[in-house]
PDB file of N, CA and C in Angstrom:
ATOM      1  N   MET A   1       0.771  -1.156   0.044  1.00  0.00           N
ATOM      2  CA  MET A   1       0.071  -0.021  -0.039  1.00  0.00           C
ATOM      3  C   MET A   1       0.817   1.246   0.015  1.00  0.00           C
ATOM      4  N   GLU A   2       0.729   2.057  -0.860  1.00  0.00           N
ATOM      5  CA  GLU A   2       1.303   3.342  -0.945  1.00  0.00           C
ATOM      6  C   GLU A   2       1.080   4.309   0.263  1.00  0.00           C
ATOM      7  N   ALA A   3       2.087   4.849   0.798  1.00  0.00           N
ATOM      8  CA  ALA A   3       1.932   5.537   2.117  1.00  0.00           C
ATOM      9  C   ALA A   3       0.973   6.709   1.889  1.00  0.00           C
ATOM     10  N   LEU A   4       1.213   7.548   0.890  1.00  0.00           N
ATOM     11  CA  LEU A   4       0.292   8.636   0.587  1.00  0.00           C
ATOM     12  C   LEU A   4      -1.139   8.234   0.340  1.00  0.00           C
ATOM     13  N   GLY A   5      -1.402   7.121  -0.298  1.00  0.00           N
ATOM     14  CA  GLY A   5      -2.634   6.686  -0.661  1.00  0.00           C
ATOM     15  C   GLY A   5      -3.369   6.097   0.586  1.00  0.00           C
ATOM     16  N   ALA A   6      -2.647   5.521   1.456  1.00  0.00           N
ATOM     17  CA  ALA A   6      -3.197   4.970   2.699  1.00  0.00           C
ATOM     18  C   ALA A   6      -3.477   6.283   3.651  1.00  0.00           C
ATOM     19  N   LEU A   7      -2.577   7.256   3.628  1.00  0.00           N
ATOM     20  CA  LEU A   7      -2.982   8.456   4.274  1.00  0.00           C
ATOM     21  C   LEU A   7      -4.237   9.236   3.901  1.00  0.00           C
ATOM     22  N   GLY A   8      -4.293   9.222   2.514  1.00  0.00           N
ATOM     23  CA  GLY A   8      -5.618   9.801   2.009  1.00  0.00           C
ATOM     24  C   GLY A   8      -6.853   9.010   2.323  1.00  0.00           C
ATOM     25  N   ALA A   9      -6.654   7.713   2.320  1.00  0.00           N
ATOM     26  CA  ALA A   9      -7.907   6.855   2.622  1.00  0.00           C
ATOM     27  C   ALA A   9      -8.205   6.980   4.086  1.00  0.00           C
ATOM     28  N   LEU A  10      -7.263   7.209   4.853  1.00  0.00           N
ATOM     29  CA  LEU A  10      -7.479   7.302   6.303  1.00  0.00           C
ATOM     30  C   LEU A  10      -8.107   8.737   6.536  1.00  0.00           C
ATOM     31  N   GLY A  11      -7.678   9.716   5.948  1.00  0.00           N
ATOM     32  CA  GLY A  11      -8.231  11.027   6.053  1.00  0.00           C
ATOM     33  C   GLY A  11      -9.788  11.113   5.569  1.00  0.00           C
ATOM     34  N   GLY A  12      -9.950  10.588   4.303  1.00  0.00           N
ATOM     35  CA  GLY A  12     -11.252  10.417   3.886  1.00  0.00           C
ATOM     36  C   GLY A  12     -12.287   9.671   4.684  1.00  0.00           C
ATOM     37  N   SER A  13     -11.710   8.503   5.348  1.00  0.00           N
ATOM     38  CA  SER A  13     -12.555   7.715   6.218  1.00  0.00           C
ATOM     39  C   SER A  13     -12.906   8.524   7.523  1.00  0.00           C
ATOM     40  N   LEU A  14     -11.896   9.282   7.933  1.00  0.00           N
ATOM     41  CA  LEU A  14     -12.127   9.968   9.235  1.00  0.00           C
ATOM     42  C   LEU A  14     -13.101  11.105   9.038  1.00  0.00           C
ATOM     43  N   VAL A  15     -13.101  11.768   7.902  1.00  0.00           N
ATOM     44  CA  VAL A  15     -14.170  12.769   7.551  1.00  0.00           C
ATOM     45  C   VAL A  15     -15.599  12.003   7.532  1.00  0.00           C
ATOM     46  N   LEU A  16     -15.612  10.929   6.901  1.00  0.00           N
ATOM     47  CA  LEU A  16     -16.985  10.269   6.761  1.00  0.00           C
ATOM     48  C   LEU A  16     -17.296   9.734   8.218  1.00  0.00           C
ATOM     49  N   VAL A  17     -16.573   9.277   8.944  1.00  0.00           N
ATOM     50  CA  VAL A  17     -16.904   8.841  10.375  1.00  0.00           C
ATOM     51  C   VAL A  17     -17.445  10.029  11.200  1.00  0.00           C
ATOM     52  N   LEU A  18     -16.653  11.108  11.164  1.00  0.00           N
ATOM     53  CA  LEU A  18     -17.050  12.354  11.877  1.00  0.00           C
ATOM     54  C   LEU A  18     -18.420  12.861  11.554  1.00  0.00           C
ATOM     55  N   THR A  19     -18.687  12.737  10.160  1.00  0.00           N
ATOM     56  CA  THR A  19     -19.847  13.286   9.525  1.00  0.00           C
ATOM     57  C   THR A  19     -20.998  12.348  10.172  1.00  0.00           C
ATOM     58  N   ALA A  20     -20.826  11.001  10.112  1.00  0.00           N
ATOM     59  CA  ALA A  20     -21.713  10.073  10.660  1.00  0.00           C
ATOM     60  C   ALA A  20     -22.014  10.353  12.158  1.00  0.00           C
ATOM     61  N   VAL A  21     -20.977  10.667  12.823  1.00  0.00           N
ATOM     62  CA  VAL A  21     -21.174  10.802  14.314  1.00  0.00           C
ATOM     63  C   VAL A  21     -22.073  12.088  14.577  1.00  0.00           C
ATOM     64  N   TYR A  22     -21.711  13.037  13.841  1.00  0.00           N
ATOM     65  CA  TYR A  22     -22.576  14.357  13.901  1.00  0.00           C
ATOM     66  C   TYR A  22     -23.996  14.096  13.496  1.00  0.00           C
ATOM     67  N   ALA A  23     -24.320  13.259  12.431  1.00  0.00           N
ATOM     68  CA  ALA A  23     -25.589  12.961  12.056  1.00  0.00           C
ATOM     69  C   ALA A  23     -26.304  12.244  13.089  1.00  0.00           C
ATOM     70  N   ASP A  24     -25.520  11.311  13.617  1.00  0.00           N
ATOM     71  CA  ASP A  24     -26.213  10.423  14.689  1.00  0.00           C
ATOM     72  C   ASP A  24     -26.796  11.420  15.855  1.00  0.00           C
ATOM     73  N   LYS A  25     -26.024  12.311  16.227  1.00  0.00           N
ATOM     74  CA  LYS A  25     -26.378  13.337  17.316  1.00  0.00           C
ATOM     75  C   LYS A  25     -27.584  14.201  16.808  1.00  0.00           C
ATOM     76  N   HIS A  26     -27.491  14.589  15.546  1.00  0.00           N
ATOM     77  CA  HIS A  26     -28.552  15.416  14.912  1.00  0.00           C
ATOM     78  C   HIS A  26     -29.907  14.735  14.925  1.00  0.00           C
ATOM     79  N   PHE A  27     -29.893  13.458  14.537  1.00  0.00           N
ATOM     80  CA  PHE A  27     -31.011  12.677  14.337  1.00  0.00           C
ATOM     81  C   PHE A  27     -31.327  11.760  15.591  1.00  0.00           C
ATOM     82  N   SER A  28     -30.880  12.144  16.713  1.00  0.00           N
ATOM     83  CA  SER A  28     -31.073  11.379  17.951  1.00  0.00           C
ATOM     84  C   SER A  28     -32.444  11.042  18.448  1.00  0.00           C
ATOM     85  N   ALA A  29     -33.306  11.981  17.895  1.00  0.00           N
ATOM     86  CA  ALA A  29     -34.723  11.736  18.310  1.00  0.00           C
ATOM     87  C   ALA A  29     -35.491  10.531  17.446  1.00  0.00           C
ATOM     88  N   ALA A  30     -34.879  10.192  16.309  1.00  0.00           N
ATOM     89  CA  ALA A  30     -35.504   9.304  15.466  1.00  0.00           C
ATOM     90  C   ALA A  30     -34.918   7.911  15.647  1.00  0.00           C
ATOM     91  N   PRO A  31     -35.857   6.964  16.059  1.00  0.00           N
ATOM     92  CA  PRO A  31     -35.262   5.555  16.269  1.00  0.00           C
ATOM     93  C   PRO A  31     -34.867   4.869  14.915  1.00  0.00           C
ATOM     94  N   ARG A  32     -35.556   5.289  13.889  1.00  0.00           N
ATOM     95  CA  ARG A  32     -35.300   4.653  12.552  1.00  0.00           C
ATOM     96  C   ARG A  32     -35.040   5.820  11.430  1.00  0.00           C
ATOM     97  N   VAL A  33     -34.300   5.545  10.519  1.00  0.00           N
ATOM     98  CA  VAL A  33     -34.080   6.531   9.337  1.00  0.00           C
ATOM     99  C   VAL A  33     -34.306   5.767   8.036  1.00  0.00           C
ATOM    100  N   PRO A  34     -34.738   6.554   7.110  1.00  0.00           N
ATOM    101  CA  PRO A  34     -34.912   5.888   5.782  1.00  0.00           C
ATOM    102  C   PRO A  34     -33.678   5.505   5.084  1.00  0.00           C
ATOM    103  N   VAL A  35     -33.655   4.488   4.426  1.00  0.00           N
ATOM    104  CA  VAL A  35     -32.438   3.935   3.783  1.00  0.00           C
ATOM    105  C   VAL A  35     -32.570   3.822   2.284  1.00  0.00           C
ATOM    106  N   TRP A  36     -33.802   3.506   1.836  1.00  0.00           N
ATOM    107  CA  TRP A  36     -33.959   3.253   0.415  1.00  0.00           C
ATOM    108  C   TRP A  36     -35.341   3.831  -0.052  1.00  0.00           C
ATOM    109  N   TRP A  37     -35.162   4.479  -1.116  1.00  0.00           N
ATOM    110  CA  TRP A  37     -36.408   5.124  -1.696  1.00  0.00           C
ATOM    111  C   TRP A  37     -36.687   4.579  -3.004  1.00  0.00           C
ATOM    112  N   GLY A  38     -38.055   4.568  -3.367  1.00  0.00           N
ATOM    113  CA  GLY A  38     -38.397   3.950  -4.599  1.00  0.00           C
ATOM    114  C   GLY A  38     -38.359   5.124  -5.689  1.00  0.00           C
ATOM    115  N   ILE A  39     -38.667   4.777  -6.967  1.00  0.00           N
ATOM    116  CA  ILE A  39     -38.643   5.729  -8.039  1.00  0.00           C
ATOM    117  C   ILE A  39     -39.821   6.755  -7.720  1.00  0.00           C
ATOM    118  N   ASP A  40     -40.794   6.416  -7.003  1.00  0.00           N
ATOM    119  CA  ASP A  40     -41.974   7.340  -6.712  1.00  0.00           C
ATOM    120  C   ASP A  40     -41.659   8.132  -5.514  1.00  0.00           C
ATOM    121  N   ARG A  41     -40.481   8.130  -5.054  1.00  0.00           N
ATOM    122  CA  ARG A  41     -39.952   9.017  -3.820  1.00  0.00           C
ATOM    123  C   ARG A  41     -40.557   8.541  -2.487  1.00  0.00           C
ATOM    124  N   GLN A  42     -41.175   7.360  -2.516  1.00  0.00           N
ATOM    125  CA  GLN A  42     -41.697   6.867  -1.208  1.00  0.00           C
ATOM    126  C   GLN A  42     -40.648   5.862  -0.657  1.00  0.00           C
ATOM    127  N   VAL A  43     -40.592   6.058   0.672  1.00  0.00           N
ATOM    128  CA  VAL A  43     -39.548   5.176   1.423  1.00  0.00           C
ATOM    129  C   VAL A  43     -39.881   3.729   1.333  1.00  0.00           C
ATOM    130  N   ARG A  44     -39.002   2.976   0.981  1.00  0.00           N
ATOM    131  CA  ARG A  44     -39.179   1.537   0.790  1.00  0.00           C
ATOM    132  C   ARG A  44     -38.547   0.689   2.048  1.00  0.00           C
ATOM    133  N   TRP A  45     -37.566   1.218   2.673  1.00  0.00           N
ATOM    134  CA  TRP A  45     -36.970   0.556   3.634  1.00  0.00           C
ATOM    135  C   TRP A  45     -36.402   1.504   4.719  1.00  0.00           C
ATOM    136  N   PHE A  46     -36.614   1.202   6.028  1.00  0.00           N
ATOM    137  CA  PHE A  46     -36.060   1.949   7.184  1.00  0.00           C
ATOM    138  C   PHE A  46     -35.072   1.036   7.822  1.00  0.00           C
ATOM    139  N   ALA A  47     -34.123   1.611   8.537  1.00  0.00           N
ATOM    140  CA  ALA A  47     -33.144   0.921   9.322  1.00  0.00           C
ATOM    141  C   ALA A  47     -33.039   1.688  10.716  1.00  0.00           C
ATOM    142  N   THR A  48     -32.543   0.917  11.663  1.00  0.00           N
ATOM    143  CA  THR A  48     -32.268   1.610  12.895  1.00  0.00           C
ATOM    144  C   THR A  48     -31.398   2.767  12.566  1.00  0.00           C
ATOM    145  N   ARG A  49     -31.412   3.854  13.411  1.00  0.00           N
ATOM    146  CA  ARG A  49     -30.659   4.945  13.141  1.00  0.00           C
ATOM    147  C   ARG A  49     -29.162   4.827  13.042  1.00  0.00           C
ATOM    148  N   ARG A  50     -28.520   4.102  13.893  1.00  0.00           N
ATOM    149  CA  ARG A  50     -27.133   3.911  13.724  1.00  0.00           C
ATOM    150  C   ARG A  50     -26.710   3.074  12.617  1.00  0.00           C
ATOM    151  N   VAL A  51     -27.530   2.058  12.254  1.00  0.00           N
ATOM    152  CA  VAL A  51     -27.183   1.252  11.071  1.00  0.00           C
ATOM    153  C   VAL A  51     -27.417   1.974   9.783  1.00  0.00           C
ATOM    154  N   GLY A  52     -28.530   2.632   9.703  1.00  0.00           N
ATOM    155  CA  GLY A  52     -28.773   3.436   8.524  1.00  0.00           C
ATOM    156  C   GLY A  52     -27.568   4.602   8.271  1.00  0.00           C
ATOM    157  N   LEU A  53     -27.193   5.171   9.330  1.00  0.00           N
ATOM    158  CA  LEU A  53     -26.322   6.209   9.114  1.00  0.00           C
ATOM    159  C   LEU A  53     -24.974   5.760   8.924  1.00  0.00           C
ATOM    160  N   ALA A  54     -24.653   4.495   9.290  1.00  0.00           N
ATOM    161  CA  ALA A  54     -23.266   4.022   9.079  1.00  0.00           C
ATOM    162  C   ALA A  54     -23.114   3.270   7.856  1.00  0.00           C
ATOM    163  N   LEU A  55     -24.088   2.928   6.993  1.00  0.00           N
ATOM    164  CA  LEU A  55     -24.011   2.191   5.827  1.00  0.00           C
ATOM    165  C   LEU A  55     -22.993   2.831   4.876  1.00  0.00           C
ATOM    166  N   LEU A  56     -23.231   4.097   4.371  1.00  0.00           N
ATOM    167  CA  LEU A  56     -22.400   4.680   3.455  1.00  0.00           C
ATOM    168  C   LEU A  56     -21.009   4.909   3.829  1.00  0.00           C
ATOM    169  N   PRO A  57     -20.747   5.276   5.068  1.00  0.00           N
ATOM    170  CA  PRO A  57     -19.433   5.489   5.593  1.00  0.00           C
ATOM    171  C   PRO A  57     -18.582   4.206   5.568  1.00  0.00           C
ATOM    172  N   LEU A  58     -19.370   3.056   5.930  1.00  0.00           N
ATOM    173  CA  LEU A  58     -18.693   1.790   5.907  1.00  0.00           C
ATOM    174  C   LEU A  58     -18.256   1.292   4.457  1.00  0.00           C
ATOM    175  N   ILE A  59     -19.177   1.531   3.730  1.00  0.00           N
ATOM    176  CA  ILE A  59     -18.926   1.097   2.229  1.00  0.00           C
ATOM    177  C   ILE A  59     -17.806   2.027   1.732  1.00  0.00           C
ATOM    178  N   GLY A  60     -18.005   3.374   2.132  1.00  0.00           N
ATOM    179  CA  GLY A  60     -16.832   4.303   1.510  1.00  0.00           C
ATOM    180  C   GLY A  60     -15.569   3.994   2.037  1.00  0.00           C
ATOM    181  N   MET A  61     -15.459   3.641   3.351  1.00  0.00           N
ATOM    182  CA  MET A  61     -14.018   3.225   3.918  1.00  0.00           C
ATOM    183  C   MET A  61     -13.514   2.022   3.147  1.00  0.00           C
ATOM    184  N   ALA A  62     -14.428   1.015   2.840  1.00  0.00           N
ATOM    185  CA  ALA A  62     -13.946  -0.131   2.197  1.00  0.00           C
ATOM    186  C   ALA A  62     -13.395   0.265   0.790  1.00  0.00           C
ATOM    187  N   VAL A  63     -14.173   1.029   0.098  1.00  0.00           N
ATOM    188  CA  VAL A  63     -13.733   1.514  -1.242  1.00  0.00           C
ATOM    189  C   VAL A  63     -12.405   2.264  -1.136  1.00  0.00           C
ATOM    190  N   LEU A  64     -12.226   3.096  -0.168  1.00  0.00           N
ATOM    191  CA  LEU A  64     -11.047   3.941  -0.154  1.00  0.00           C
ATOM    192  C   LEU A  64      -9.696   3.054   0.270  1.00  0.00           C
ATOM    193  N   PHE A  65      -9.936   2.217   1.145  1.00  0.00           N
ATOM    194  CA  PHE A  65      -8.827   1.431   1.476  1.00  0.00           C
ATOM    195  C   PHE A  65      -8.382   0.293   0.513  1.00  0.00           C
ATOM    196  N   ILE A  66      -9.353  -0.233  -0.214  1.00  0.00           N
ATOM    197  CA  ILE A  66      -9.159  -1.161  -1.314  1.00  0.00           C
ATOM    198  C   ILE A  66      -8.435  -0.420  -2.516  1.00  0.00           C
ATOM    199  N   ALA A  67      -8.851   0.876  -2.805  1.00  0.00           N
ATOM    200  CA  ALA A  67      -8.231   1.644  -3.814  1.00  0.00           C
ATOM    201  C   ALA A  67      -6.717   2.007  -3.309  1.00  0.00           C
ATOM    202  N   ALA A  68      -6.532   2.312  -2.176  1.00  0.00           N
ATOM    203  CA  ALA A  68      -5.257   2.565  -1.666  1.00  0.00           C
ATOM    204  C   ALA A  68      -4.297   1.356  -1.719  1.00  0.00           C
ATOM    205  N   GLY A  69      -4.894   0.161  -1.332  1.00  0.00           N
ATOM    206  CA  GLY A  69      -4.166  -1.103  -1.462  1.00  0.00           C
ATOM    207  C   GLY A  69      -3.745  -1.342  -2.852  1.00  0.00           C
ATOM    208  N   GLN A  70      -4.565  -0.948  -3.903  1.00  0.00           N
ATOM    209  CA  GLN A  70      -4.266  -1.170  -5.258  1.00  0.00           C
ATOM    210  C   GLN A  70      -3.282  -0.197  -5.860  1.00  0.00           C
ATOM    211  N   GLY A  71      -2.811   0.711  -5.192  1.00  0.00           N
ATOM    212  CA  GLY A  71      -1.829   1.817  -5.600  1.00  0.00           C
ATOM    213  C   GLY A  71      -2.383   2.986  -6.247  1.00  0.00           C
ATOM    214  N   VAL A  72      -3.659   3.259  -6.053  1.00  0.00           N
ATOM    215  CA  VAL A  72      -4.277   4.330  -6.725  1.00  0.00           C
ATOM    216  C   VAL A  72      -3.646   5.656  -6.303  1.00  0.00           C
ATOM    217  N   ALA A  73      -3.474   6.538  -7.180  1.00  0.00           N
ATOM    218  CA  ALA A  73      -2.920   7.812  -6.847  1.00  0.00           C
ATOM    219  C   ALA A  73      -3.635   8.630  -5.807  1.00  0.00           C
ATOM    220  N   LEU A  74      -2.914   9.315  -4.992  1.00  0.00           N
ATOM    221  CA  LEU A  74      -3.570  10.226  -3.832  1.00  0.00           C
ATOM    222  C   LEU A  74      -4.697  11.189  -4.447  1.00  0.00           C
ATOM    223  N   PHE A  75      -4.361  11.651  -5.594  1.00  0.00           N
ATOM    224  CA  PHE A  75      -5.309  12.614  -6.174  1.00  0.00           C
ATOM    225  C   PHE A  75      -6.677  11.855  -6.304  1.00  0.00           C
ATOM    226  N   HIS A  76      -6.632  10.657  -6.960  1.00  0.00           N
ATOM    227  CA  HIS A  76      -7.885   9.959  -7.102  1.00  0.00           C
ATOM    228  C   HIS A  76      -8.556   9.575  -5.925  1.00  0.00           C
ATOM    229  N   ILE A  77      -7.796   9.198  -4.771  1.00  0.00           N
ATOM    230  CA  ILE A  77      -8.376   8.898  -3.576  1.00  0.00           C
ATOM    231  C   ILE A  77      -9.058  10.051  -2.953  1.00  0.00           C
ATOM    232  N   VAL A  78      -8.435  11.371  -3.026  1.00  0.00           N
ATOM    233  CA  VAL A  78      -8.971  12.548  -2.520  1.00  0.00           C
ATOM    234  C   VAL A  78     -10.302  12.803  -3.275  1.00  0.00           C
ATOM    235  N   PHE A  79     -10.252  12.695  -4.682  1.00  0.00           N
ATOM    236  CA  PHE A  79     -11.521  12.945  -5.352  1.00  0.00           C
ATOM    237  C   PHE A  79     -12.592  12.056  -4.974  1.00  0.00           C
ATOM    238  N   VAL A  80     -12.254  10.660  -4.839  1.00  0.00           N
ATOM    239  CA  VAL A  80     -13.375   9.755  -4.381  1.00  0.00           C
ATOM    240  C   VAL A  80     -13.951  10.034  -3.088  1.00  0.00           C
ATOM    241  N   SER A  81     -12.925  10.493  -2.100  1.00  0.00           N
ATOM    242  CA  SER A  81     -13.349  10.884  -0.757  1.00  0.00           C
ATOM    243  C   SER A  81     -14.328  11.992  -0.931  1.00  0.00           C
ATOM    244  N   LEU A  82     -14.016  12.987  -1.539  1.00  0.00           N
ATOM    245  CA  LEU A  82     -14.979  14.073  -1.764  1.00  0.00           C
ATOM    246  C   LEU A  82     -16.361  13.718  -2.402  1.00  0.00           C
ATOM    247  N   ALA A  83     -16.260  12.890  -3.306  1.00  0.00           N
ATOM    248  CA  ALA A  83     -17.500  12.327  -3.961  1.00  0.00           C
ATOM    249  C   ALA A  83     -18.330  11.635  -3.018  1.00  0.00           C
ATOM    250  N   LEU A  84     -17.783  10.726  -2.201  1.00  0.00           N
ATOM    251  CA  LEU A  84     -18.438  10.083  -1.136  1.00  0.00           C
ATOM    252  C   LEU A  84     -19.061  10.975  -0.078  1.00  0.00           C
ATOM    253  N   LEU A  85     -18.333  12.074   0.295  1.00  0.00           N
ATOM    254  CA  LEU A  85     -18.847  12.939   1.208  1.00  0.00           C
ATOM    255  C   LEU A  85     -20.058  13.712   0.701  1.00  0.00           C
ATOM    256  N   VAL A  86     -19.956  14.105  -0.545  1.00  0.00           N
ATOM    257  CA  VAL A  86     -21.053  14.849  -1.266  1.00  0.00           C
ATOM    258  C   VAL A  86     -22.315  13.810  -1.235  1.00  0.00           C
ATOM    259  N   ALA A  87     -21.957  12.583  -1.642  1.00  0.00           N
ATOM    260  CA  ALA A  87     -23.259  11.626  -1.637  1.00  0.00           C
ATOM    261  C   ALA A  87     -23.857  11.414  -0.281  1.00  0.00           C
ATOM    262  N   TYR A  88     -22.953  11.357   0.683  1.00  0.00           N
ATOM    263  CA  TYR A  88     -23.492  11.246   2.084  1.00  0.00           C
ATOM    264  C   TYR A  88     -24.256  12.414   2.601  1.00  0.00           C
ATOM    265  N   LEU A  89     -23.744  13.611   2.214  1.00  0.00           N
ATOM    266  CA  LEU A  89     -24.506  14.865   2.574  1.00  0.00           C
ATOM    267  C   LEU A  89     -25.824  14.983   1.990  1.00  0.00           C
ATOM    268  N   ILE A  90     -25.892  14.538   0.619  1.00  0.00           N
ATOM    269  CA  ILE A  90     -27.150  14.470  -0.038  1.00  0.00           C
ATOM    270  C   ILE A  90     -28.163  13.490   0.554  1.00  0.00           C
ATOM    271  N   TYR A  91     -27.527  12.350   0.946  1.00  0.00           N
ATOM    272  CA  TYR A  91     -28.329  11.406   1.803  1.00  0.00           C
ATOM    273  C   TYR A  91     -28.927  11.904   3.075  1.00  0.00           C
ATOM    274  N   LEU A  92     -28.079  12.603   3.804  1.00  0.00           N
ATOM    275  CA  LEU A  92     -28.521  13.234   5.043  1.00  0.00           C
ATOM    276  C   LEU A  92     -29.590  14.280   4.854  1.00  0.00           C
ATOM    277  N   GLN A  93     -29.538  15.034   3.735  1.00  0.00           N
ATOM    278  CA  GLN A  93     -30.476  15.989   3.423  1.00  0.00           C
ATOM    279  C   GLN A  93     -31.863  15.308   3.145  1.00  0.00           C
ATOM    280  N   ALA A  94     -31.736  14.206   2.436  1.00  0.00           N
ATOM    281  CA  ALA A  94     -33.005  13.495   2.079  1.00  0.00           C
ATOM    282  C   ALA A  94     -33.635  12.823   3.391  1.00  0.00           C
ATOM    283  N   VAL A  95     -32.763  12.378   4.328  1.00  0.00           N
ATOM    284  CA  VAL A  95     -33.326  11.890   5.583  1.00  0.00           C
ATOM    285  C   VAL A  95     -34.012  12.964   6.471  1.00  0.00           C
ATOM    286  N   ASP A  96     -33.252  14.087   6.544  1.00  0.00           N
ATOM    287  CA  ASP A  96     -33.783  15.251   7.290  1.00  0.00           C
ATOM    288  C   ASP A  96     -35.188  15.630   6.689  1.00  0.00           C
ATOM    289  N   LYS A  97     -35.179  15.614   5.377  1.00  0.00           N
ATOM    290  CA  LYS A  97     -36.438  16.033   4.678  1.00  0.00           C
ATOM    291  C   LYS A  97     -37.597  15.106   5.024  1.00  0.00           C
ATOM    292  N   ASN A  98     -37.270  13.728   5.006  1.00  0.00           N
ATOM    293  CA  ASN A  98     -38.255  12.770   5.234  1.00  0.00           C
ATOM    294  C   ASN A  98     -38.674  12.692   6.677  1.00  0.00           C
ATOM    295  N   LEU A  99     -37.739  12.968   7.689  1.00  0.00           N
ATOM    296  CA  LEU A  99     -38.223  12.873   9.048  1.00  0.00           C
ATOM    297  C   LEU A  99     -38.885  14.229   9.461  1.00  0.00           C
ATOM    298  N   ALA A 100     -38.751  15.207   8.638  1.00  0.00           N
ATOM    299  CA  ALA A 100     -39.510  16.487   9.004  1.00  0.00           C
ATOM    300  C   ALA A 100     -40.956  16.421   8.671  1.00  0.00           C
ATOM    301  N   GLN A 101     -41.350  15.489   7.681  1.00  0.00           N
ATOM    302  CA  GLN A 101     -42.706  15.428   7.278  1.00  0.00           C
ATOM    303  C   GLN A 101     -43.680  14.802   8.425  1.00  0.00           C
TER     304      GLN A 101
END
């Protein structure tokens, strides 16, 4: 594993985990959060709050560390980290909108 790639994967993972911890505190009143929406924008599946909020960060961490292990350049790992963070923030916005209804 390239040292810079591993450091980038660690940094990206840390940002995702910290965002998930903040989201867990923000949604502490909700016992369940939506995880899957259908094409008609109706929630199809709920999960317990901690499981639902941990799914994307866990998958993202796996992707980042696998990429770092394959020798992917630091620039690409940072780009993927930012893309995962944006996707997670969009998900959190959708959760917030759904729970506010």
